[in-house]
Structure formats: structure tokens, C-alpha cells
Full PDB file with SEQRES, HELIX, SHEET, SSBOND, CRYST1, ORIGX, SCALE, CONECT and MASTER records, all heavy atoms in Angstrom:
SEQRES   1 A   37  ALA LEU GLY LEU ALA TYR LEU ASP THR GLY ALA MET TYR          
SEQRES   2 A   37  ARG ALA ALA THR TRP TRP CYS LEU HIS GLN ASP VAL PRO          
SEQRES   3 A   37  LEU THR ASP VAL ASP GLU VAL ALA ALA GLN VAL                  
HELIX    1 AA1 THR A    9  HIS A   22  1                                  14    
HELIX    2 AA2 VAL A   30  GLN A   36  1                                   7    
CRYST1    1.000    1.000    1.000  90.00  90.00  90.00 P 1           1          
ORIGX1      1.000000  0.000000  0.000000        0.00000                         
ORIGX2      0.000000  1.000000  0.000000        0.00000                         
ORIGX3      0.000000  0.000000  1.000000        0.00000                         
SCALE1      1.000000  0.000000  0.000000        0.00000                         
SCALE2      0.000000  1.000000  0.000000        0.00000                         
SCALE3      0.000000  0.000000  1.000000        0.00000                         
ATOM      1  N   ALA A   1      20.591   8.141 -14.469  1.00  0.00           N  
ATOM      2  CA  ALA A   1      21.964   8.100 -15.029  1.00  0.00           C  
ATOM      3  C   ALA A   1      22.208   6.875 -15.880  1.00  0.00           C  
ATOM      4  O   ALA A   1      22.920   6.928 -16.881  1.00  0.00           O  
ATOM      5  CB  ALA A   1      22.976   8.136 -13.888  1.00  0.00           C  
ATOM      6  N   LEU A   2      21.558   5.764 -15.518  1.00  0.00           N  
ATOM      7  CA  LEU A   2      21.799   4.500 -16.210  1.00  0.00           C  
ATOM      8  C   LEU A   2      20.736   4.213 -17.291  1.00  0.00           C  
ATOM      9  O   LEU A   2      20.831   3.206 -18.004  1.00  0.00           O  
ATOM     10  CB  LEU A   2      21.843   3.335 -15.225  1.00  0.00           C  
ATOM     11  CG  LEU A   2      22.980   3.383 -14.206  1.00  0.00           C  
ATOM     12  CD1 LEU A   2      22.872   2.206 -13.225  1.00  0.00           C  
ATOM     13  CD2 LEU A   2      24.344   3.410 -14.894  1.00  0.00           C  
ATOM     14  N   GLY A   3      19.709   5.058 -17.356  1.00  0.00           N  
ATOM     15  CA  GLY A   3      18.657   4.818 -18.321  1.00  0.00           C  
ATOM     16  C   GLY A   3      17.791   3.630 -17.986  1.00  0.00           C  
ATOM     17  O   GLY A   3      17.281   2.924 -18.874  1.00  0.00           O  
ATOM     18  N   LEU A   4      17.580   3.409 -16.665  1.00  0.00           N  
ATOM     19  CA  LEU A   4      16.814   2.263 -16.189  1.00  0.00           C  
ATOM     20  C   LEU A   4      15.463   2.708 -15.628  1.00  0.00           C  
ATOM     21  O   LEU A   4      15.278   3.898 -15.317  1.00  0.00           O  
ATOM     22  CB  LEU A   4      17.583   1.504 -15.086  1.00  0.00           C  
ATOM     23  CG  LEU A   4      18.981   1.019 -15.452  1.00  0.00           C  
ATOM     24  CD1 LEU A   4      19.632   0.362 -14.250  1.00  0.00           C  
ATOM     25  CD2 LEU A   4      18.959   0.066 -16.634  1.00  0.00           C  
ATOM     26  N   ALA A   5      14.533   1.769 -15.465  1.00  0.00           N  
ATOM     27  CA  ALA A   5      13.283   2.062 -14.781  1.00  0.00           C  
ATOM     28  C   ALA A   5      13.547   2.240 -13.281  1.00  0.00           C  
ATOM     29  O   ALA A   5      14.637   1.912 -12.784  1.00  0.00           O  
ATOM     30  CB  ALA A   5      12.284   0.943 -15.028  1.00  0.00           C  
ATOM     31  N   TYR A   6      12.539   2.714 -12.569  1.00  0.00           N  
ATOM     32  CA  TYR A   6      12.679   2.978 -11.147  1.00  0.00           C  
ATOM     33  C   TYR A   6      11.443   2.498 -10.415  1.00  0.00           C  
ATOM     34  O   TYR A   6      10.321   2.798 -10.803  1.00  0.00           O  
ATOM     35  CB  TYR A   6      12.875   4.480 -10.911  1.00  0.00           C  
ATOM     36  CG  TYR A   6      12.604   4.956  -9.490  1.00  0.00           C  
ATOM     37  CD1 TYR A   6      13.427   4.613  -8.448  1.00  0.00           C  
ATOM     38  CD2 TYR A   6      11.495   5.761  -9.231  1.00  0.00           C  
ATOM     39  CE1 TYR A   6      13.166   5.014  -7.152  1.00  0.00           C  
ATOM     40  CE2 TYR A   6      11.232   6.224  -7.924  1.00  0.00           C  
ATOM     41  CZ  TYR A   6      12.084   5.830  -6.905  1.00  0.00           C  
ATOM     42  OH  TYR A   6      11.826   6.260  -5.628  1.00  0.00           O  
ATOM     43  N   LEU A   7      11.633   1.750  -9.327  1.00  0.00           N  
ATOM     44  CA  LEU A   7      10.500   1.236  -8.548  1.00  0.00           C  
ATOM     45  C   LEU A   7      10.686   1.637  -7.073  1.00  0.00           C  
ATOM     46  O   LEU A   7      11.630   1.221  -6.425  1.00  0.00           O  
ATOM     47  CB  LEU A   7      10.385  -0.285  -8.656  1.00  0.00           C  
ATOM     48  CG  LEU A   7       9.232  -0.930  -7.865  1.00  0.00           C  
ATOM     49  CD1 LEU A   7       7.906  -0.426  -8.398  1.00  0.00           C  
ATOM     50  CD2 LEU A   7       9.324  -2.462  -7.926  1.00  0.00           C  
ATOM     51  N   ASP A   8       9.740   2.418  -6.618  1.00  0.00           N  
ATOM     52  CA  ASP A   8       9.724   2.882  -5.196  1.00  0.00           C  
ATOM     53  C   ASP A   8       8.773   1.944  -4.453  1.00  0.00           C  
ATOM     54  O   ASP A   8       7.548   2.128  -4.437  1.00  0.00           O  
ATOM     55  CB  ASP A   8       9.197   4.322  -5.152  1.00  0.00           C  
ATOM     56  CG  ASP A   8       9.137   4.856  -3.706  1.00  0.00           C  
ATOM     57  OD1 ASP A   8       9.347   4.069  -2.760  1.00  0.00           O  
ATOM     58  OD2 ASP A   8       8.822   6.035  -3.547  1.00  0.00           O  
ATOM     59  N   THR A   9       9.312   0.932  -3.802  1.00  0.00           N  
ATOM     60  CA  THR A   9       8.478  -0.059  -3.152  1.00  0.00           C  
ATOM     61  C   THR A   9       7.825   0.513  -1.863  1.00  0.00           C  
ATOM     62  O   THR A   9       6.743   0.114  -1.478  1.00  0.00           O  
ATOM     63  CB  THR A   9       9.229  -1.343  -2.783  1.00  0.00           C  
ATOM     64  OG1 THR A   9      10.243  -1.040  -1.784  1.00  0.00           O  
ATOM     65  CG2 THR A   9       9.902  -1.920  -4.022  1.00  0.00           C  
ATOM     66  N   GLY A  10       8.475   1.501  -1.247  1.00  0.00           N  
ATOM     67  CA  GLY A  10       7.888   2.145  -0.107  1.00  0.00           C  
ATOM     68  C   GLY A  10       6.565   2.835  -0.464  1.00  0.00           C  
ATOM     69  O   GLY A  10       5.643   2.853   0.328  1.00  0.00           O  
ATOM     70  N   ALA A  11       6.524   3.372  -1.684  1.00  0.00           N  
ATOM     71  CA  ALA A  11       5.279   4.018  -2.152  1.00  0.00           C  
ATOM     72  C   ALA A  11       4.163   3.027  -2.282  1.00  0.00           C  
ATOM     73  O   ALA A  11       2.998   3.373  -2.109  1.00  0.00           O  
ATOM     74  CB  ALA A  11       5.555   4.725  -3.470  1.00  0.00           C  
ATOM     75  N   MET A  12       4.498   1.770  -2.551  1.00  0.00           N  
ATOM     76  CA  MET A  12       3.481   0.736  -2.651  1.00  0.00           C  
ATOM     77  C   MET A  12       2.842   0.485  -1.290  1.00  0.00           C  
ATOM     78  O   MET A  12       1.611   0.309  -1.173  1.00  0.00           O  
ATOM     79  CB  MET A  12       4.100  -0.534  -3.207  1.00  0.00           C  
ATOM     80  CG  MET A  12       4.619  -0.375  -4.622  1.00  0.00           C  
ATOM     81  SD  MET A  12       5.491  -1.847  -5.267  1.00  0.00           S  
ATOM     82  CE  MET A  12       4.094  -2.964  -5.528  1.00  0.00           C  
ATOM     83  N   TYR A  13       3.657   0.467  -0.220  1.00  0.00           N  
ATOM     84  CA  TYR A  13       3.076   0.318   1.120  1.00  0.00           C  
ATOM     85  C   TYR A  13       2.273   1.559   1.523  1.00  0.00           C  
ATOM     86  O   TYR A  13       1.215   1.419   2.195  1.00  0.00           O  
ATOM     87  CB  TYR A  13       4.195   0.091   2.153  1.00  0.00           C  
ATOM     88  CG  TYR A  13       4.787  -1.302   2.035  1.00  0.00           C  
ATOM     89  CD1 TYR A  13       5.970  -1.547   1.355  1.00  0.00           C  
ATOM     90  CD2 TYR A  13       4.134  -2.380   2.603  1.00  0.00           C  
ATOM     91  CE1 TYR A  13       6.505  -2.813   1.238  1.00  0.00           C  
ATOM     92  CE2 TYR A  13       4.653  -3.662   2.522  1.00  0.00           C  
ATOM     93  CZ  TYR A  13       5.805  -3.876   1.804  1.00  0.00           C  
ATOM     94  OH  TYR A  13       6.347  -5.159   1.701  1.00  0.00           O  
ATOM     95  N   ARG A  14       2.722   2.721   1.122  1.00  0.00           N  
ATOM     96  CA  ARG A  14       1.946   3.925   1.399  1.00  0.00           C  
ATOM     97  C   ARG A  14       0.622   3.936   0.639  1.00  0.00           C  
ATOM     98  O   ARG A  14      -0.410   4.312   1.182  1.00  0.00           O  
ATOM     99  CB  ARG A  14       2.791   5.176   1.029  1.00  0.00           C  
ATOM    100  CG  ARG A  14       3.949   5.467   1.987  1.00  0.00           C  
ATOM    101  CD  ARG A  14       4.783   6.593   1.512  1.00  0.00           C  
ATOM    102  NE  ARG A  14       5.767   6.973   2.545  1.00  0.00           N  
ATOM    103  CZ  ARG A  14       5.563   7.842   3.497  1.00  0.00           C  
ATOM    104  NH1 ARG A  14       4.402   8.490   3.546  1.00  0.00           N  
ATOM    105  NH2 ARG A  14       6.496   8.118   4.389  1.00  0.00           N  
ATOM    106  N   ALA A  15       0.659   3.463  -0.616  1.00  0.00           N  
ATOM    107  CA  ALA A  15      -0.561   3.390  -1.402  1.00  0.00           C  
ATOM    108  C   ALA A  15      -1.530   2.398  -0.784  1.00  0.00           C  
ATOM    109  O   ALA A  15      -2.752   2.652  -0.762  1.00  0.00           O  
ATOM    110  CB  ALA A  15      -0.224   3.003  -2.834  1.00  0.00           C  
ATOM    111  N   ALA A  16      -1.027   1.264  -0.301  1.00  0.00           N  
ATOM    112  CA  ALA A  16      -1.878   0.293   0.347  1.00  0.00           C  
ATOM    113  C   ALA A  16      -2.503   0.872   1.618  1.00  0.00           C  
ATOM    114  O   ALA A  16      -3.695   0.620   1.887  1.00  0.00           O  
ATOM    115  CB  ALA A  16      -1.056  -0.942   0.702  1.00  0.00           C  
ATOM    116  N   THR A  17      -1.750   1.656   2.335  1.00  0.00           N  
ATOM    117  CA  THR A  17      -2.278   2.318   3.554  1.00  0.00           C  
ATOM    118  C   THR A  17      -3.357   3.310   3.180  1.00  0.00           C  
ATOM    119  O   THR A  17      -4.410   3.345   3.814  1.00  0.00           O  
ATOM    120  CB  THR A  17      -1.114   3.011   4.290  1.00  0.00           C  
ATOM    121  OG1 THR A  17      -0.093   2.071   4.573  1.00  0.00           O  
ATOM    122  CG2 THR A  17      -1.628   3.658   5.575  1.00  0.00           C  
ATOM    123  N   TRP A  18      -3.092   4.109   2.152  1.00  0.00           N  
ATOM    124  CA  TRP A  18      -4.091   5.111   1.694  1.00  0.00           C  
ATOM    125  C   TRP A  18      -5.375   4.410   1.295  1.00  0.00           C  
ATOM    126  O   TRP A  18      -6.480   4.829   1.634  1.00  0.00           O  
ATOM    127  CB  TRP A  18      -3.511   5.886   0.508  1.00  0.00           C  
ATOM    128  CG  TRP A  18      -4.468   6.892  -0.056  1.00  0.00           C  
ATOM    129  CD1 TRP A  18      -4.582   8.181   0.307  1.00  0.00           C  
ATOM    130  CD2 TRP A  18      -5.422   6.644  -1.105  1.00  0.00           C  
ATOM    131  NE1 TRP A  18      -5.620   8.795  -0.417  1.00  0.00           N  
ATOM    132  CE2 TRP A  18      -6.122   7.853  -1.291  1.00  0.00           C  
ATOM    133  CE3 TRP A  18      -5.787   5.566  -1.893  1.00  0.00           C  
ATOM    134  CZ2 TRP A  18      -7.149   8.002  -2.248  1.00  0.00           C  
ATOM    135  CZ3 TRP A  18      -6.800   5.686  -2.810  1.00  0.00           C  
ATOM    136  CH2 TRP A  18      -7.462   6.900  -3.001  1.00  0.00           C  
ATOM    137  N   TRP A  19      -5.264   3.271   0.572  1.00  0.00           N  
ATOM    138  CA  TRP A  19      -6.407   2.563   0.100  1.00  0.00           C  
ATOM    139  C   TRP A  19      -7.240   2.008   1.270  1.00  0.00           C  
ATOM    140  O   TRP A  19      -8.456   2.116   1.294  1.00  0.00           O  
ATOM    141  CB  TRP A  19      -5.955   1.454  -0.823  1.00  0.00           C  
ATOM    142  CG  TRP A  19      -7.065   0.555  -1.316  1.00  0.00           C  
ATOM    143  CD1 TRP A  19      -7.286  -0.742  -0.957  1.00  0.00           C  
ATOM    144  CD2 TRP A  19      -8.100   0.890  -2.266  1.00  0.00           C  
ATOM    145  NE1 TRP A  19      -8.385  -1.252  -1.651  1.00  0.00           N  
ATOM    146  CE2 TRP A  19      -8.913  -0.262  -2.462  1.00  0.00           C  
ATOM    147  CE3 TRP A  19      -8.385   2.060  -2.967  1.00  0.00           C  
ATOM    148  CZ2 TRP A  19      -9.975  -0.268  -3.326  1.00  0.00           C  
ATOM    149  CZ3 TRP A  19      -9.482   2.030  -3.851  1.00  0.00           C  
ATOM    150  CH2 TRP A  19     -10.264   0.884  -3.994  1.00  0.00           C  
ATOM    151  N   CYS A  20      -6.589   1.408   2.241  1.00  0.00           N  
ATOM    152  CA  CYS A  20      -7.300   0.856   3.380  1.00  0.00           C  
ATOM    153  C   CYS A  20      -8.014   1.935   4.160  1.00  0.00           C  
ATOM    154  O   CYS A  20      -9.193   1.764   4.572  1.00  0.00           O  
ATOM    155  CB  CYS A  20      -6.323   0.109   4.312  1.00  0.00           C  
ATOM    156  SG  CYS A  20      -5.740  -1.442   3.605  1.00  0.00           S  
ATOM    157  N   LEU A  21      -7.393   3.077   4.373  1.00  0.00           N  
ATOM    158  CA  LEU A  21      -8.020   4.189   5.056  1.00  0.00           C  
ATOM    159  C   LEU A  21      -9.170   4.726   4.234  1.00  0.00           C  
ATOM    160  O   LEU A  21     -10.244   5.075   4.748  1.00  0.00           O  
ATOM    161  CB  LEU A  21      -6.990   5.299   5.351  1.00  0.00           C  
ATOM    162  CG  LEU A  21      -5.888   4.938   6.372  1.00  0.00           C  
ATOM    163  CD1 LEU A  21      -4.909   6.096   6.479  1.00  0.00           C  
ATOM    164  CD2 LEU A  21      -6.491   4.582   7.730  1.00  0.00           C  
ATOM    165  N   HIS A  22      -8.964   4.820   2.927  1.00  0.00           N  
ATOM    166  CA  HIS A  22     -10.002   5.280   2.003  1.00  0.00           C  
ATOM    167  C   HIS A  22     -11.222   4.346   2.031  1.00  0.00           C  
ATOM    168  O   HIS A  22     -12.357   4.784   1.835  1.00  0.00           O  
ATOM    169  CB  HIS A  22      -9.425   5.327   0.582  1.00  0.00           C  
ATOM    170  CG  HIS A  22     -10.287   6.026  -0.428  1.00  0.00           C  
ATOM    171  ND1 HIS A  22     -10.522   7.361  -0.391  1.00  0.00           N  
ATOM    172  CD2 HIS A  22     -10.950   5.539  -1.501  1.00  0.00           C  
ATOM    173  CE1 HIS A  22     -11.317   7.691  -1.409  1.00  0.00           C  
ATOM    174  NE2 HIS A  22     -11.600   6.575  -2.082  1.00  0.00           N  
ATOM    175  N   GLN A  23     -10.955   3.069   2.293  1.00  0.00           N  
ATOM    176  CA  GLN A  23     -12.049   2.068   2.359  1.00  0.00           C  
ATOM    177  C   GLN A  23     -12.596   1.909   3.794  1.00  0.00           C  
ATOM    178  O   GLN A  23     -13.440   1.053   4.040  1.00  0.00           O  
ATOM    179  CB  GLN A  23     -11.539   0.692   1.895  1.00  0.00           C  
ATOM    180  CG  GLN A  23     -11.024   0.669   0.458  1.00  0.00           C  
ATOM    181  CD  GLN A  23     -12.114   0.967  -0.547  1.00  0.00           C  
ATOM    182  OE1 GLN A  23     -12.118   2.035  -1.146  1.00  0.00           O  
ATOM    183  NE2 GLN A  23     -13.049   0.054  -0.708  1.00  0.00           N  
ATOM    184  N   ASP A  24     -12.109   2.768   4.685  1.00  0.00           N  
ATOM    185  CA  ASP A  24     -12.529   2.738   6.116  1.00  0.00           C  
ATOM    186  C   ASP A  24     -12.254   1.404   6.758  1.00  0.00           C  
ATOM    187  O   ASP A  24     -13.050   0.928   7.610  1.00  0.00           O  
ATOM    188  CB  ASP A  24     -14.021   3.089   6.222  1.00  0.00           C  
ATOM    189  CG  ASP A  24     -14.334   4.542   5.821  1.00  0.00           C  
ATOM    190  OD1 ASP A  24     -13.501   5.398   6.122  1.00  0.00           O  
ATOM    191  OD2 ASP A  24     -15.372   4.743   5.183  1.00  0.00           O  
ATOM    192  N   VAL A  25     -11.118   0.798   6.409  1.00  0.00           N  
ATOM    193  CA  VAL A  25     -10.747  -0.462   7.029  1.00  0.00           C  
ATOM    194  C   VAL A  25      -9.812  -0.163   8.215  1.00  0.00           C  
ATOM    195  O   VAL A  25      -8.783   0.504   8.056  1.00  0.00           O  
ATOM    196  CB  VAL A  25      -9.989  -1.350   6.001  1.00  0.00           C  
ATOM    197  CG1 VAL A  25      -9.425  -2.590   6.669  1.00  0.00           C  
ATOM    198  CG2 VAL A  25     -10.912  -1.750   4.871  1.00  0.00           C  
ATOM    199  N   PRO A  26     -10.149  -0.629   9.415  1.00  0.00           N  
ATOM    200  CA  PRO A  26      -9.251  -0.438  10.541  1.00  0.00           C  
ATOM    201  C   PRO A  26      -7.906  -1.149  10.294  1.00  0.00           C  
ATOM    202  O   PRO A  26      -7.904  -2.343   9.980  1.00  0.00           O  
ATOM    203  CB  PRO A  26     -10.024  -1.089  11.702  1.00  0.00           C  
ATOM    204  CG  PRO A  26     -11.433  -1.195  11.259  1.00  0.00           C  
ATOM    205  CD  PRO A  26     -11.363  -1.387   9.778  1.00  0.00           C  
ATOM    206  N   LEU A  27      -6.841  -0.429  10.447  1.00  0.00           N  
ATOM    207  CA  LEU A  27      -5.521  -1.029  10.167  1.00  0.00           C  
ATOM    208  C   LEU A  27      -5.144  -2.111  11.163  1.00  0.00           C  
ATOM    209  O   LEU A  27      -4.225  -2.885  10.932  1.00  0.00           O  
ATOM    210  CB  LEU A  27      -4.480   0.075  10.111  1.00  0.00           C  
ATOM    211  CG  LEU A  27      -4.710   1.177   9.060  1.00  0.00           C  
ATOM    212  CD1 LEU A  27      -3.499   2.133   9.019  1.00  0.00           C  
ATOM    213  CD2 LEU A  27      -4.998   0.591   7.685  1.00  0.00           C  
ATOM    214  N   THR A  28      -5.888  -2.154  12.274  1.00  0.00           N  
ATOM    215  CA  THR A  28      -5.650  -3.220  13.263  1.00  0.00           C  
ATOM    216  C   THR A  28      -6.287  -4.539  12.840  1.00  0.00           C  
ATOM    217  O   THR A  28      -5.982  -5.591  13.424  1.00  0.00           O  
ATOM    218  CB  THR A  28      -6.214  -2.790  14.637  1.00  0.00           C  
ATOM    219  OG1 THR A  28      -7.578  -2.392  14.463  1.00  0.00           O  
ATOM    220  CG2 THR A  28      -5.427  -1.638  15.210  1.00  0.00           C  
ATOM    221  N   ASP A  29      -7.157  -4.504  11.869  1.00  0.00           N  
ATOM    222  CA  ASP A  29      -7.832  -5.704  11.355  1.00  0.00           C  
ATOM    223  C   ASP A  29      -6.907  -6.318  10.291  1.00  0.00           C  
ATOM    224  O   ASP A  29      -7.038  -6.082   9.103  1.00  0.00           O  
ATOM    225  CB  ASP A  29      -9.199  -5.380  10.778  1.00  0.00           C  
ATOM    226  CG  ASP A  29      -9.997  -6.627  10.384  1.00  0.00           C  
ATOM    227  OD1 ASP A  29      -9.390  -7.691  10.208  1.00  0.00           O  
ATOM    228  OD2 ASP A  29     -11.235  -6.500  10.230  1.00  0.00           O  
ATOM    229  N   VAL A  30      -5.976  -7.129  10.741  1.00  0.00           N  
ATOM    230  CA  VAL A  30      -4.905  -7.610   9.866  1.00  0.00           C  
ATOM    231  C   VAL A  30      -5.460  -8.455   8.708  1.00  0.00           C  
ATOM    232  O   VAL A  30      -4.929  -8.367   7.584  1.00  0.00           O  
ATOM    233  CB  VAL A  30      -3.834  -8.411  10.649  1.00  0.00           C  
ATOM    234  CG1 VAL A  30      -3.067  -7.478  11.604  1.00  0.00           C  
ATOM    235  CG2 VAL A  30      -4.456  -9.575  11.378  1.00  0.00           C  
ATOM    236  N   ASP A  31      -6.478  -9.208   8.943  1.00  0.00           N  
ATOM    237  CA  ASP A  31      -7.006 -10.056   7.884  1.00  0.00           C  
ATOM    238  C   ASP A  31      -7.726  -9.215   6.804  1.00  0.00           C  
ATOM    239  O   ASP A  31      -7.560  -9.473   5.593  1.00  0.00           O  
ATOM    240  CB  ASP A  31      -8.019 -11.103   8.449  1.00  0.00           C  
ATOM    241  CG  ASP A  31      -7.322 -12.133   9.321  1.00  0.00           C  
ATOM    242  OD1 ASP A  31      -6.082 -12.363   9.105  1.00  0.00           O  
ATOM    243  OD2 ASP A  31      -7.968 -12.688  10.211  1.00  0.00           O  
ATOM    244  N   GLU A  32      -8.501  -8.219   7.227  1.00  0.00           N  
ATOM    245  CA  GLU A  32      -9.188  -7.381   6.249  1.00  0.00           C  
ATOM    246  C   GLU A  32      -8.187  -6.484   5.498  1.00  0.00           C  
ATOM    247  O   GLU A  32      -8.350  -6.265   4.269  1.00  0.00           O  
ATOM    248  CB  GLU A  32     -10.258  -6.523   6.940  1.00  0.00           C  
ATOM    249  CG  GLU A  32     -11.049  -5.662   6.021  1.00  0.00           C  
ATOM    250  CD  GLU A  32     -11.798  -6.438   4.932  1.00  0.00           C  
ATOM    251  OE1 GLU A  32     -12.082  -7.658   5.133  1.00  0.00           O  
ATOM    252  OE2 GLU A  32     -12.029  -5.876   3.846  1.00  0.00           O  
ATOM    253  N   VAL A  33      -7.183  -6.004   6.189  1.00  0.00           N  
ATOM    254  CA  VAL A  33      -6.134  -5.217   5.501  1.00  0.00           C  
ATOM    255  C   VAL A  33      -5.481  -6.090   4.446  1.00  0.00           C  
ATOM    256  O   VAL A  33      -5.251  -5.665   3.303  1.00  0.00           O  
ATOM    257  CB  VAL A  33      -5.087  -4.688   6.500  1.00  0.00           C  
ATOM    258  CG1 VAL A  33      -3.854  -4.183   5.798  1.00  0.00           C  
ATOM    259  CG2 VAL A  33      -5.711  -3.601   7.364  1.00  0.00           C  
ATOM    260  N   ALA A  34      -5.146  -7.320   4.786  1.00  0.00           N  
ATOM    261  CA  ALA A  34      -4.512  -8.226   3.838  1.00  0.00           C  
ATOM    262  C   ALA A  34      -5.412  -8.465   2.630  1.00  0.00           C  
ATOM    263  O   ALA A  34      -4.954  -8.487   1.479  1.00  0.00           O  
ATOM    264  CB  ALA A  34      -4.158  -9.528   4.494  1.00  0.00           C  
ATOM    265  N   ALA A  35      -6.711  -8.628   2.884  1.00  0.00           N  
ATOM    266  CA  ALA A  35      -7.666  -8.888   1.804  1.00  0.00           C  
ATOM    267  C   ALA A  35      -7.782  -7.650   0.875  1.00  0.00           C  
ATOM    268  O   ALA A  35      -7.830  -7.789  -0.328  1.00  0.00           O  
ATOM    269  CB  ALA A  35      -9.048  -9.210   2.376  1.00  0.00           C  
ATOM    270  N   GLN A  36      -7.762  -6.460   1.477  1.00  0.00           N  
ATOM    271  CA  GLN A  36      -7.852  -5.239   0.669  1.00  0.00           C  
ATOM    272  C   GLN A  36      -6.602  -5.078  -0.184  1.00  0.00           C  
ATOM    273  O   GLN A  36      -6.689  -4.693  -1.370  1.00  0.00           O  
ATOM    274  CB  GLN A  36      -7.990  -4.038   1.588  1.00  0.00           C  
ATOM    275  CG  GLN A  36      -9.353  -3.893   2.242  1.00  0.00           C  
ATOM    276  CD  GLN A  36     -10.440  -3.531   1.242  1.00  0.00           C  
ATOM    277  OE1 GLN A  36     -10.224  -2.949   0.204  1.00  0.00           O  
ATOM    278  NE2 GLN A  36     -11.687  -3.848   1.644  1.00  0.00           N  
ATOM    279  N   VAL A  37      -5.451  -5.419   0.362  1.00  0.00           N  
ATOM    280  CA  VAL A  37      -4.189  -5.258  -0.411  1.00  0.00           C  
ATOM    281  C   VAL A  37      -4.086  -6.325  -1.515  1.00  0.00           C  
ATOM    282  O   VAL A  37      -3.592  -6.019  -2.580  1.00  0.00           O  
ATOM    283  CB  VAL A  37      -2.997  -5.334   0.567  1.00  0.00           C  
ATOM    284  CG1 VAL A  37      -1.696  -5.334  -0.216  1.00  0.00           C  
ATOM    285  CG2 VAL A  37      -3.017  -4.175   1.534  1.00  0.00           C  
TER     286      VAL A  37                                                      
MASTER        0    0    0    2    0    0    0    6  285    1    0    3          
END                                                                             
């Protein structure tokens, strides 16, 4: 309606999750997840 861009930040967290799973990184490994992101 306003002719502005749109940013879905939730999708960024979902994409990070997809990437970690795609890389076979255990999501419980907080340091490796952080490094992947």
C-alpha cells in the first residue's frame, strides 16, 4: 500500500534453520550453529 520494501525477519531464522539441517549440524551445538549462521 505504501510502495515500500518488505523484510520478513522470521524467514531469516527459518532459512538459518534450513541451512544448519542441510549441513547436518546438530541444532543443540550452539557454537557450530552460530558459526554456520
